[in-house]
Amino acid sequence: MNDIPDMQDCIDACTNCHQACLQTALTHCLKMGGRHVAPDHFRLMMDCAAICETSANLQLSGSPFSARLCALCADICHACALSCLELDGMEECARACEACEHTCRAMAA
């Protein structure tokens, strides 16, 4: 049961990243326009929100697939953080993605 605190950290990071990506995309990015709503960036933010939510759900349910999904979640979070760092006002979202990437990589190991 030593992995429970780590799993809870990952669930929390995934939940936070889901919220940050969804909220930032649908408020900040839509308001800013331009590169903030470029299809590749906006789609990546929505994908990140979706996989983070699913990753948290699989961990909460004790799914045997959660470690594999965490690995994919970490890759998407990494890409999303890099994309966010290229744009103004996206630092909070990038930090949430980086934190989620870190905990998901640990869970996938």
PDB file of N, CA and C in Angstrom:
ATOM      1  N   MET A   1       0.808  -1.212   0.000  1.00  0.00           N
ATOM      2  CA  MET A   1       0.000   0.000   0.000  1.00  0.00           C
ATOM      3  C   MET A   1       0.850   1.274   0.000  1.00  0.00           C
ATOM      4  N   ASN A   2       2.161   1.141  -0.205  1.00  0.00           N
ATOM      5  CA  ASN A   2       3.028   2.318  -0.223  1.00  0.00           C
ATOM      6  C   ASN A   2       2.763   3.229  -1.410  1.00  0.00           C
ATOM      7  N   ASP A   3       2.126   2.696  -2.460  1.00  0.00           N
ATOM      8  CA  ASP A   3       1.897   3.509  -3.648  1.00  0.00           C
ATOM      9  C   ASP A   3       0.652   4.385  -3.539  1.00  0.00           C
ATOM     10  N   ILE A   4      -0.141   4.226  -2.496  1.00  0.00           N
ATOM     11  CA  ILE A   4      -1.393   4.986  -2.397  1.00  0.00           C
ATOM     12  C   ILE A   4      -1.161   6.501  -2.361  1.00  0.00           C
ATOM     13  N   PRO A   5      -0.238   7.030  -1.533  1.00  0.00           N
ATOM     14  CA  PRO A   5      -0.034   8.481  -1.571  1.00  0.00           C
ATOM     15  C   PRO A   5       0.419   8.956  -2.953  1.00  0.00           C
ATOM     16  N   ASP A   6       1.269   8.162  -3.636  1.00  0.00           N
ATOM     17  CA  ASP A   6       1.717   8.543  -4.968  1.00  0.00           C
ATOM     18  C   ASP A   6       0.548   8.541  -5.942  1.00  0.00           C
ATOM     19  N   MET A   7      -0.306   7.539  -5.831  1.00  0.00           N
ATOM     20  CA  MET A   7      -1.470   7.479  -6.702  1.00  0.00           C
ATOM     21  C   MET A   7      -2.396   8.655  -6.428  1.00  0.00           C
ATOM     22  N   GLN A   8      -2.593   8.999  -5.170  1.00  0.00           N
ATOM     23  CA  GLN A   8      -3.451  10.138  -4.851  1.00  0.00           C
ATOM     24  C   GLN A   8      -2.850  11.426  -5.393  1.00  0.00           C
ATOM     25  N   ASP A   9      -1.521  11.564  -5.314  1.00  0.00           N
ATOM     26  CA  ASP A   9      -0.865  12.733  -5.901  1.00  0.00           C
ATOM     27  C   ASP A   9      -1.125  12.797  -7.404  1.00  0.00           C
ATOM     28  N   CYS A  10      -1.060  11.644  -8.061  1.00  0.00           N
ATOM     29  CA  CYS A  10      -1.279  11.590  -9.506  1.00  0.00           C
ATOM     30  C   CYS A  10      -2.739  11.909  -9.844  1.00  0.00           C
ATOM     31  N   ILE A  11      -3.661  11.349  -9.090  1.00  0.00           N
ATOM     32  CA  ILE A  11      -5.082  11.644  -9.304  1.00  0.00           C
ATOM     33  C   ILE A  11      -5.332  13.141  -9.151  1.00  0.00           C
ATOM     34  N   ASP A  12      -4.758  13.722  -8.112  1.00  0.00           N
ATOM     35  CA  ASP A  12      -4.923  15.166  -7.880  1.00  0.00           C
ATOM     36  C   ASP A  12      -4.314  15.990  -9.018  1.00  0.00           C
ATOM     37  N   ALA A  13      -3.120  15.591  -9.473  1.00  0.00           N
ATOM     38  CA  ALA A  13      -2.460  16.322 -10.564  1.00  0.00           C
ATOM     39  C   ALA A  13      -3.252  16.195 -11.860  1.00  0.00           C
ATOM     40  N   CYS A  14      -3.789  15.003 -12.124  1.00  0.00           N
ATOM     41  CA  CYS A  14      -4.603  14.799 -13.332  1.00  0.00           C
ATOM     42  C   CYS A  14      -5.871  15.640 -13.267  1.00  0.00           C
ATOM     43  N   THR A  15      -6.510  15.651 -12.118  1.00  0.00           N
ATOM     44  CA  THR A  15      -7.741  16.426 -11.952  1.00  0.00           C
ATOM     45  C   THR A  15      -7.461  17.919 -12.118  1.00  0.00           C
ATOM     46  N   ASN A  16      -6.370  18.383 -11.533  1.00  0.00           N
ATOM     47  CA  ASN A  16      -5.988  19.788 -11.654  1.00  0.00           C
ATOM     48  C   ASN A  16      -5.658  20.149 -13.095  1.00  0.00           C
ATOM     49  N   CYS A  17      -4.957  19.258 -13.797  1.00  0.00           N
ATOM     50  CA  CYS A  17      -4.591  19.530 -15.188  1.00  0.00           C
ATOM     51  C   CYS A  17      -5.827  19.522 -16.080  1.00  0.00           C
ATOM     52  N   HIS A  18      -6.734  18.591 -15.833  1.00  0.00           N
ATOM     53  CA  HIS A  18      -7.999  18.565 -16.593  1.00  0.00           C
ATOM     54  C   HIS A  18      -8.697  19.910 -16.467  1.00  0.00           C
ATOM     55  N   GLN A  19      -8.818  20.387 -15.243  1.00  0.00           N
ATOM     56  CA  GLN A  19      -9.500  21.657 -15.002  1.00  0.00           C
ATOM     57  C   GLN A  19      -8.747  22.820 -15.637  1.00  0.00           C
ATOM     58  N   ALA A  20      -7.427  22.845 -15.461  1.00  0.00           N
ATOM     59  CA  ALA A  20      -6.635  23.961 -15.993  1.00  0.00           C
ATOM     60  C   ALA A  20      -6.716  24.029 -17.515  1.00  0.00           C
ATOM     61  N   CYS A  21      -6.566  22.888 -18.179  1.00  0.00           N
ATOM     62  CA  CYS A  21      -6.597  22.894 -19.648  1.00  0.00           C
ATOM     63  C   CYS A  21      -7.974  23.258 -20.178  1.00  0.00           C
ATOM     64  N   LEU A  22      -9.000  22.661 -19.615  1.00  0.00           N
ATOM     65  CA  LEU A  22     -10.354  22.933 -20.093  1.00  0.00           C
ATOM     66  C   LEU A  22     -10.731  24.390 -19.861  1.00  0.00           C
ATOM     67  N   GLN A  23     -10.505  24.860 -18.648  1.00  0.00           N
ATOM     68  CA  GLN A  23     -10.886  26.235 -18.312  1.00  0.00           C
ATOM     69  C   GLN A  23     -10.068  27.248 -19.106  1.00  0.00           C
ATOM     70  N   THR A  24      -8.769  27.021 -19.228  1.00  0.00           N
ATOM     71  CA  THR A  24      -7.918  27.968 -19.953  1.00  0.00           C
ATOM     72  C   THR A  24      -8.279  27.996 -21.435  1.00  0.00           C
ATOM     73  N   ALA A  25      -8.516  26.828 -22.013  1.00  0.00           N
ATOM     74  CA  ALA A  25      -8.871  26.774 -23.430  1.00  0.00           C
ATOM     75  C   ALA A  25     -10.176  27.515 -23.703  1.00  0.00           C
ATOM     76  N   LEU A  26     -11.158  27.274 -22.844  1.00  0.00           N
ATOM     77  CA  LEU A  26     -12.494  27.813 -23.110  1.00  0.00           C
ATOM     78  C   LEU A  26     -12.700  29.239 -22.606  1.00  0.00           C
ATOM     79  N   THR A  27     -11.770  29.750 -21.826  1.00  0.00           N
ATOM     80  CA  THR A  27     -11.889  31.145 -21.393  1.00  0.00           C
ATOM     81  C   THR A  27     -10.749  31.971 -21.991  1.00  0.00           C
ATOM     82  N   HIS A  28      -9.550  31.755 -21.541  1.00  0.00           N
ATOM     83  CA  HIS A  28      -8.407  32.565 -21.968  1.00  0.00           C
ATOM     84  C   HIS A  28      -8.147  32.450 -23.472  1.00  0.00           C
ATOM     85  N   CYS A  29      -8.012  31.224 -23.969  1.00  0.00           N
ATOM     86  CA  CYS A  29      -7.654  31.043 -25.379  1.00  0.00           C
ATOM     87  C   CYS A  29      -8.714  31.587 -26.325  1.00  0.00           C
ATOM     88  N   LEU A  30      -9.973  31.297 -26.036  1.00  0.00           N
ATOM     89  CA  LEU A  30     -11.034  31.816 -26.905  1.00  0.00           C
ATOM     90  C   LEU A  30     -11.077  33.343 -26.887  1.00  0.00           C
ATOM     91  N   LYS A  31     -10.822  33.935 -25.729  1.00  0.00           N
ATOM     92  CA  LYS A  31     -10.820  35.397 -25.626  1.00  0.00           C
ATOM     93  C   LYS A  31      -9.635  35.996 -26.386  1.00  0.00           C
ATOM     94  N   MET A  32      -8.474  35.346 -26.293  1.00  0.00           N
ATOM     95  CA  MET A  32      -7.263  35.874 -26.926  1.00  0.00           C
ATOM     96  C   MET A  32      -7.301  35.734 -28.443  1.00  0.00           C
ATOM     97  N   GLY A  33      -7.854  34.619 -28.936  1.00  0.00           N
ATOM     98  CA  GLY A  33      -7.883  34.382 -30.382  1.00  0.00           C
ATOM     99  C   GLY A  33      -6.491  34.149 -30.945  1.00  0.00           C
ATOM    100  N   GLY A  34      -6.353  34.338 -32.232  1.00  0.00           N
ATOM    101  CA  GLY A  34      -5.047  34.194 -32.885  1.00  0.00           C
ATOM    102  C   GLY A  34      -4.423  32.822 -32.656  1.00  0.00           C
ATOM    103  N   ARG A  35      -3.145  32.823 -32.301  1.00  0.00           N
ATOM    104  CA  ARG A  35      -2.411  31.569 -32.086  1.00  0.00           C
ATOM    105  C   ARG A  35      -2.984  30.759 -30.927  1.00  0.00           C
ATOM    106  N   HIS A  36      -3.678  31.412 -29.998  1.00  0.00           N
ATOM    107  CA  HIS A  36      -4.268  30.699 -28.865  1.00  0.00           C
ATOM    108  C   HIS A  36      -5.374  29.733 -29.309  1.00  0.00           C
ATOM    109  N   VAL A  37      -5.989  30.010 -30.445  1.00  0.00           N
ATOM    110  CA  VAL A  37      -7.041  29.130 -30.952  1.00  0.00           C
ATOM    111  C   VAL A  37      -6.625  28.433 -32.248  1.00  0.00           C
ATOM    112  N   ALA A  38      -5.331  28.422 -32.532  1.00  0.00           N
ATOM    113  CA  ALA A  38      -4.846  27.656 -33.682  1.00  0.00           C
ATOM    114  C   ALA A  38      -5.253  26.196 -33.469  1.00  0.00           C
ATOM    115  N   PRO A  39      -5.732  25.528 -34.511  1.00  0.00           N
ATOM    116  CA  PRO A  39      -6.263  24.175 -34.336  1.00  0.00           C
ATOM    117  C   PRO A  39      -5.339  23.211 -33.606  1.00  0.00           C
ATOM    118  N   ASP A  40      -4.061  23.191 -33.931  1.00  0.00           N
ATOM    119  CA  ASP A  40      -3.149  22.244 -33.277  1.00  0.00           C
ATOM    120  C   ASP A  40      -3.040  22.510 -31.780  1.00  0.00           C
ATOM    121  N   HIS A  41      -2.924  23.761 -31.400  1.00  0.00           N
ATOM    122  CA  HIS A  41      -2.807  24.108 -29.974  1.00  0.00           C
ATOM    123  C   HIS A  41      -4.120  23.838 -29.241  1.00  0.00           C
ATOM    124  N   PHE A  42      -5.210  24.318 -29.786  1.00  0.00           N
ATOM    125  CA  PHE A  42      -6.504  24.191 -29.102  1.00  0.00           C
ATOM    126  C   PHE A  42      -6.905  22.724 -28.969  1.00  0.00           C
ATOM    127  N   ARG A  43      -6.704  21.952 -30.029  1.00  0.00           N
ATOM    128  CA  ARG A  43      -7.018  20.523 -29.996  1.00  0.00           C
ATOM    129  C   ARG A  43      -6.162  19.812 -28.949  1.00  0.00           C
ATOM    130  N   LEU A  44      -4.882  20.178 -28.874  1.00  0.00           N
ATOM    131  CA  LEU A  44      -3.984  19.576 -27.888  1.00  0.00           C
ATOM    132  C   LEU A  44      -4.461  19.865 -26.467  1.00  0.00           C
ATOM    133  N   MET A  45      -4.913  21.084 -26.221  1.00  0.00           N
ATOM    134  CA  MET A  45      -5.424  21.420 -24.888  1.00  0.00           C
ATOM    135  C   MET A  45      -6.662  20.592 -24.551  1.00  0.00           C
ATOM    136  N   MET A  46      -7.545  20.424 -25.518  1.00  0.00           N
ATOM    137  CA  MET A  46      -8.753  19.628 -25.283  1.00  0.00           C
ATOM    138  C   MET A  46      -8.407  18.142 -25.098  1.00  0.00           C
ATOM    139  N   ASP A  47      -7.442  17.649 -25.884  1.00  0.00           N
ATOM    140  CA  ASP A  47      -6.977  16.262 -25.719  1.00  0.00           C
ATOM    141  C   ASP A  47      -6.363  16.070 -24.344  1.00  0.00           C
ATOM    142  N   CYS A  48      -5.583  17.041 -23.903  1.00  0.00           N
ATOM    143  CA  CYS A  48      -4.929  16.956 -22.598  1.00  0.00           C
ATOM    144  C   CYS A  48      -5.978  16.917 -21.489  1.00  0.00           C
ATOM    145  N   ALA A  49      -6.956  17.778 -21.574  1.00  0.00           N
ATOM    146  CA  ALA A  49      -8.024  17.782 -20.569  1.00  0.00           C
ATOM    147  C   ALA A  49      -8.729  16.428 -20.532  1.00  0.00           C
ATOM    148  N   ALA A  50      -9.018  15.881 -21.709  1.00  0.00           N
ATOM    149  CA  ALA A  50      -9.749  14.615 -21.782  1.00  0.00           C
ATOM    150  C   ALA A  50      -8.936  13.446 -21.220  1.00  0.00           C
ATOM    151  N   ILE A  51      -7.654  13.371 -21.590  1.00  0.00           N
ATOM    152  CA  ILE A  51      -6.864  12.230 -21.121  1.00  0.00           C
ATOM    153  C   ILE A  51      -6.567  12.341 -19.632  1.00  0.00           C
ATOM    154  N   CYS A  52      -6.426  13.553 -19.128  1.00  0.00           N
ATOM    155  CA  CYS A  52      -6.207  13.727 -17.690  1.00  0.00           C
ATOM    156  C   CYS A  52      -7.427  13.271 -16.902  1.00  0.00           C
ATOM    157  N   GLU A  53      -8.611  13.616 -17.393  1.00  0.00           N
ATOM    158  CA  GLU A  53      -9.833  13.181 -16.725  1.00  0.00           C
ATOM    159  C   GLU A  53      -9.938  11.659 -16.751  1.00  0.00           C
ATOM    160  N   THR A  54      -9.660  11.064 -17.897  1.00  0.00           N
ATOM    161  CA  THR A  54      -9.738   9.608 -18.030  1.00  0.00           C
ATOM    162  C   THR A  54      -8.677   8.920 -17.169  1.00  0.00           C
ATOM    163  N   SER A  55      -7.489   9.485 -17.125  1.00  0.00           N
ATOM    164  CA  SER A  55      -6.422   8.909 -16.306  1.00  0.00           C
ATOM    165  C   SER A  55      -6.821   8.900 -14.830  1.00  0.00           C
ATOM    166  N   ALA A  56      -7.362  10.005 -14.354  1.00  0.00           N
ATOM    167  CA  ALA A  56      -7.827  10.052 -12.957  1.00  0.00           C
ATOM    168  C   ALA A  56      -8.922   9.018 -12.724  1.00  0.00           C
ATOM    169  N   ASN A  57      -9.861   8.899 -13.659  1.00  0.00           N
ATOM    170  CA  ASN A  57     -10.957   7.946 -13.513  1.00  0.00           C
ATOM    171  C   ASN A  57     -10.453   6.508 -13.445  1.00  0.00           C
ATOM    172  N   LEU A  58      -9.497   6.146 -14.301  1.00  0.00           N
ATOM    173  CA  LEU A  58      -8.979   4.777 -14.300  1.00  0.00           C
ATOM    174  C   LEU A  58      -8.216   4.478 -13.011  1.00  0.00           C
ATOM    175  N   GLN A  59      -7.471   5.453 -12.525  1.00  0.00           N
ATOM    176  CA  GLN A  59      -6.764   5.257 -11.255  1.00  0.00           C
ATOM    177  C   GLN A  59      -7.755   5.093 -10.107  1.00  0.00           C
ATOM    178  N   LEU A  60      -8.786   5.911 -10.095  1.00  0.00           N
ATOM    179  CA  LEU A  60      -9.787   5.832  -9.027  1.00  0.00           C
ATOM    180  C   LEU A  60     -10.508   4.491  -9.021  1.00  0.00           C
ATOM    181  N   SER A  61     -10.677   3.906 -10.196  1.00  0.00           N
ATOM    182  CA  SER A  61     -11.397   2.636 -10.288  1.00  0.00           C
ATOM    183  C   SER A  61     -10.486   1.430 -10.082  1.00  0.00           C
ATOM    184  N   GLY A  62      -9.184   1.670  -9.975  1.00  0.00           N
ATOM    185  CA  GLY A  62      -8.251   0.558  -9.810  1.00  0.00           C
ATOM    186  C   GLY A  62      -8.033  -0.225 -11.094  1.00  0.00           C
ATOM    187  N   SER A  63      -8.249   0.397 -12.231  1.00  0.00           N
ATOM    188  CA  SER A  63      -8.123  -0.278 -13.519  1.00  0.00           C
ATOM    189  C   SER A  63      -6.706  -0.797 -13.754  1.00  0.00           C
ATOM    190  N   PRO A  64      -6.591  -2.016 -14.276  1.00  0.00           N
ATOM    191  CA  PRO A  64      -5.265  -2.538 -14.610  1.00  0.00           C
ATOM    192  C   PRO A  64      -4.631  -1.806 -15.799  1.00  0.00           C
ATOM    193  N   PHE A  65      -5.390  -0.977 -16.492  1.00  0.00           N
ATOM    194  CA  PHE A  65      -4.882  -0.222 -17.631  1.00  0.00           C
ATOM    195  C   PHE A  65      -4.368   1.161 -17.238  1.00  0.00           C
ATOM    196  N   SER A  66      -4.493   1.531 -15.983  1.00  0.00           N
ATOM    197  CA  SER A  66      -4.171   2.906 -15.592  1.00  0.00           C
ATOM    198  C   SER A  66      -2.699   3.243 -15.792  1.00  0.00           C
ATOM    199  N   ALA A  67      -1.783   2.316 -15.544  1.00  0.00           N
ATOM    200  CA  ALA A  67      -0.354   2.620 -15.721  1.00  0.00           C
ATOM    201  C   ALA A  67      -0.042   2.907 -17.190  1.00  0.00           C
ATOM    202  N   ARG A  68      -0.610   2.123 -18.093  1.00  0.00           N
ATOM    203  CA  ARG A  68      -0.373   2.368 -19.527  1.00  0.00           C
ATOM    204  C   ARG A  68      -0.980   3.686 -19.961  1.00  0.00           C
ATOM    205  N   LEU A  69      -2.153   4.003 -19.445  1.00  0.00           N
ATOM    206  CA  LEU A  69      -2.781   5.273 -19.796  1.00  0.00           C
ATOM    207  C   LEU A  69      -1.988   6.437 -19.209  1.00  0.00           C
ATOM    208  N   CYS A  70      -1.434   6.254 -18.017  1.00  0.00           N
ATOM    209  CA  CYS A  70      -0.609   7.307 -17.408  1.00  0.00           C
ATOM    210  C   CYS A  70       0.590   7.641 -18.291  1.00  0.00           C
ATOM    211  N   ALA A  71       1.176   6.636 -18.930  1.00  0.00           N
ATOM    212  CA  ALA A  71       2.319   6.883 -19.815  1.00  0.00           C
ATOM    213  C   ALA A  71       1.907   7.777 -20.983  1.00  0.00           C
ATOM    214  N   LEU A  72       0.768   7.495 -21.591  1.00  0.00           N
ATOM    215  CA  LEU A  72       0.259   8.319 -22.682  1.00  0.00           C
ATOM    216  C   LEU A  72      -0.130   9.708 -22.184  1.00  0.00           C
ATOM    217  N   CYS A  73      -0.746   9.755 -21.021  1.00  0.00           N
ATOM    218  CA  CYS A  73      -1.133  11.035 -20.422  1.00  0.00           C
ATOM    219  C   CYS A  73       0.097  11.914 -20.218  1.00  0.00           C
ATOM    220  N   ALA A  74       1.185  11.319 -19.741  1.00  0.00           N
ATOM    221  CA  ALA A  74       2.420  12.083 -19.525  1.00  0.00           C
ATOM    222  C   ALA A  74       2.938  12.658 -20.841  1.00  0.00           C
ATOM    223  N   ASP A  75       2.883  11.879 -21.917  1.00  0.00           N
ATOM    224  CA  ASP A  75       3.346  12.367 -23.218  1.00  0.00           C
ATOM    225  C   ASP A  75       2.491  13.537 -23.712  1.00  0.00           C
ATOM    226  N   ILE A  76       1.185  13.423 -23.552  1.00  0.00           N
ATOM    227  CA  ILE A  76       0.290  14.496 -23.999  1.00  0.00           C
ATOM    228  C   ILE A  76       0.473  15.737 -23.129  1.00  0.00           C
ATOM    229  N   CYS A  77       0.613  15.553 -21.825  1.00  0.00           N
ATOM    230  CA  CYS A  77       0.852  16.695 -20.934  1.00  0.00           C
ATOM    231  C   CYS A  77       2.145  17.415 -21.296  1.00  0.00           C
ATOM    232  N   HIS A  78       3.175  16.650 -21.629  1.00  0.00           N
ATOM    233  CA  HIS A  78       4.455  17.248 -22.019  1.00  0.00           C
ATOM    234  C   HIS A  78       4.272  18.117 -23.266  1.00  0.00           C
ATOM    235  N   ALA A  79       3.597  17.576 -24.273  1.00  0.00           N
ATOM    236  CA  ALA A  79       3.363  18.323 -25.508  1.00  0.00           C
ATOM    237  C   ALA A  79       2.514  19.566 -25.246  1.00  0.00           C
ATOM    238  N   CYS A  80       1.518  19.430 -24.401  1.00  0.00           N
ATOM    239  CA  CYS A  80       0.643  20.563 -24.101  1.00  0.00           C
ATOM    240  C   CYS A  80       1.410  21.656 -23.357  1.00  0.00           C
ATOM    241  N   ALA A  81       2.246  21.267 -22.404  1.00  0.00           N
ATOM    242  CA  ALA A  81       3.039  22.262 -21.669  1.00  0.00           C
ATOM    243  C   ALA A  81       3.939  23.040 -22.620  1.00  0.00           C
ATOM    244  N   LEU A  82       4.598  22.344 -23.533  1.00  0.00           N
ATOM    245  CA  LEU A  82       5.471  23.023 -24.498  1.00  0.00           C
ATOM    246  C   LEU A  82       4.674  23.988 -25.369  1.00  0.00           C
ATOM    247  N   SER A  83       3.511  23.564 -25.814  1.00  0.00           N
ATOM    248  CA  SER A  83       2.657  24.415 -26.641  1.00  0.00           C
ATOM    249  C   SER A  83       2.191  25.646 -25.865  1.00  0.00           C
ATOM    250  N   CYS A  84       1.809  25.445 -24.612  1.00  0.00           N
ATOM    251  CA  CYS A  84       1.336  26.563 -23.789  1.00  0.00           C
ATOM    252  C   CYS A  84       2.439  27.574 -23.517  1.00  0.00           C
ATOM    253  N   LEU A  85       3.656  27.095 -23.317  1.00  0.00           N
ATOM    254  CA  LEU A  85       4.765  27.999 -23.009  1.00  0.00           C
ATOM    255  C   LEU A  85       5.124  28.916 -24.173  1.00  0.00           C
ATOM    256  N   GLU A  86       4.651  28.593 -25.373  1.00  0.00           N
ATOM    257  CA  GLU A  86       4.915  29.434 -26.538  1.00  0.00           C
ATOM    258  C   GLU A  86       3.958  30.623 -26.624  1.00  0.00           C
ATOM    259  N   LEU A  87       2.944  30.646 -25.754  1.00  0.00           N
ATOM    260  CA  LEU A  87       1.901  31.668 -25.840  1.00  0.00           C
ATOM    261  C   LEU A  87       1.822  32.484 -24.555  1.00  0.00           C
ATOM    262  N   ASP A  88       1.323  33.703 -24.676  1.00  0.00           N
ATOM    263  CA  ASP A  88       1.190  34.600 -23.526  1.00  0.00           C
ATOM    264  C   ASP A  88       0.075  34.149 -22.591  1.00  0.00           C
ATOM    265  N   GLY A  89       0.324  34.265 -21.292  1.00  0.00           N
ATOM    266  CA  GLY A  89      -0.702  34.037 -20.285  1.00  0.00           C
ATOM    267  C   GLY A  89      -1.051  32.587 -20.039  1.00  0.00           C
ATOM    268  N   MET A  90      -0.181  31.675 -20.438  1.00  0.00           N
ATOM    269  CA  MET A  90      -0.479  30.253 -20.339  1.00  0.00           C
ATOM    270  C   MET A  90       0.384  29.536 -19.296  1.00  0.00           C
ATOM    271  N   GLU A  91       1.075  30.298 -18.459  1.00  0.00           N
ATOM    272  CA  GLU A  91       2.025  29.701 -17.517  1.00  0.00           C
ATOM    273  C   GLU A  91       1.353  28.765 -16.522  1.00  0.00           C
ATOM    274  N   GLU A  92       0.189  29.145 -16.014  1.00  0.00           N
ATOM    275  CA  GLU A  92      -0.497  28.303 -15.028  1.00  0.00           C
ATOM    276  C   GLU A  92      -0.892  26.961 -15.642  1.00  0.00           C
ATOM    277  N   CYS A  93      -1.371  27.005 -16.856  1.00  0.00           N
ATOM    278  CA  CYS A  93      -1.747  25.772 -17.548  1.00  0.00           C
ATOM    279  C   CYS A  93      -0.505  24.910 -17.787  1.00  0.00           C
ATOM    280  N   ALA A  94       0.572  25.530 -18.226  1.00  0.00           N
ATOM    281  CA  ALA A  94       1.818  24.785 -18.464  1.00  0.00           C
ATOM    282  C   ALA A  94       2.312  24.135 -17.176  1.00  0.00           C
ATOM    283  N   ARG A  95       2.226  24.847 -16.056  1.00  0.00           N
ATOM    284  CA  ARG A  95       2.661  24.269 -14.760  1.00  0.00           C
ATOM    285  C   ARG A  95       1.792  23.073 -14.382  1.00  0.00           C
ATOM    286  N   ALA A  96       0.498  23.161 -14.614  1.00  0.00           N
ATOM    287  CA  ALA A  96      -0.400  22.042 -14.311  1.00  0.00           C
ATOM    288  C   ALA A  96      -0.053  20.836 -15.180  1.00  0.00           C
ATOM    289  N   CYS A  97       0.248  21.089 -16.446  1.00  0.00           N
ATOM    290  CA  CYS A  97       0.635  20.005 -17.353  1.00  0.00           C
ATOM    291  C   CYS A  97       1.951  19.366 -16.917  1.00  0.00           C
ATOM    292  N   GLU A  98       2.912  20.191 -16.524  1.00  0.00           N
ATOM    293  CA  GLU A  98       4.208  19.662 -16.092  1.00  0.00           C
ATOM    294  C   GLU A  98       4.069  18.826 -14.826  1.00  0.00           C
ATOM    295  N   ALA A  99       3.250  19.269 -13.891  1.00  0.00           N
ATOM    296  CA  ALA A  99       3.042  18.518 -12.653  1.00  0.00           C
ATOM    297  C   ALA A  99       2.367  17.177 -12.949  1.00  0.00           C
ATOM    298  N   CYS A 100       1.392  17.199 -13.841  1.00  0.00           N
ATOM    299  CA  CYS A 100       0.692  15.970 -14.206  1.00  0.00           C
ATOM    300  C   CYS A 100       1.636  15.024 -14.937  1.00  0.00           C
ATOM    301  N   GLU A 101       2.430  15.566 -15.836  1.00  0.00           N
ATOM    302  CA  GLU A 101       3.415  14.728 -16.544  1.00  0.00           C
ATOM    303  C   GLU A 101       4.327  14.018 -15.548  1.00  0.00           C
ATOM    304  N   HIS A 102       4.812  14.752 -14.589  1.00  0.00           N
ATOM    305  CA  HIS A 102       5.745  14.188 -13.598  1.00  0.00           C
ATOM    306  C   HIS A 102       5.105  13.049 -12.807  1.00  0.00           C
ATOM    307  N   THR A 103       3.901  13.255 -12.295  1.00  0.00           N
ATOM    308  CA  THR A 103       3.274  12.217 -11.495  1.00  0.00           C
ATOM    309  C   THR A 103       2.838  11.033 -12.341  1.00  0.00           C
ATOM    310  N   CYS A 104       2.397  11.297 -13.577  1.00  0.00           N
ATOM    311  CA  CYS A 104       1.982  10.196 -14.445  1.00  0.00           C
ATOM    312  C   CYS A 104       3.179   9.342 -14.866  1.00  0.00           C
ATOM    313  N   ARG A 105       4.327   9.966 -15.105  1.00  0.00           N
ATOM    314  CA  ARG A 105       5.522   9.178 -15.444  1.00  0.00           C
ATOM    315  C   ARG A 105       5.894   8.269 -14.273  1.00  0.00           C
ATOM    316  N   ALA A 106       5.769   8.788 -13.052  1.00  0.00           N
ATOM    317  CA  ALA A 106       6.073   7.963 -11.872  1.00  0.00           C
ATOM    318  C   ALA A 106       5.101   6.793 -11.758  1.00  0.00           C
ATOM    319  N   MET A 107       3.820   7.025 -12.040  1.00  0.00           N
ATOM    320  CA  MET A 107       2.825   5.956 -11.955  1.00  0.00           C
ATOM    321  C   MET A 107       3.004   4.932 -13.072  1.00  0.00           C
ATOM    322  N   ALA A 108       3.508   5.367 -14.218  1.00  0.00           N
ATOM    323  CA  ALA A 108       3.677   4.465 -15.357  1.00  0.00           C
ATOM    324  C   ALA A 108       4.935   3.602 -15.235  1.00  0.00           C
ATOM    325  N   ALA A 109       5.850   4.032 -14.381  1.00  0.00           N
ATOM    326  CA  ALA A 109       7.132   3.312 -14.246  1.00  0.00           C
ATOM    327  C   ALA A 109       6.958   1.930 -13.622  1.00  0.00           C
TER     328      ALA A 109
END
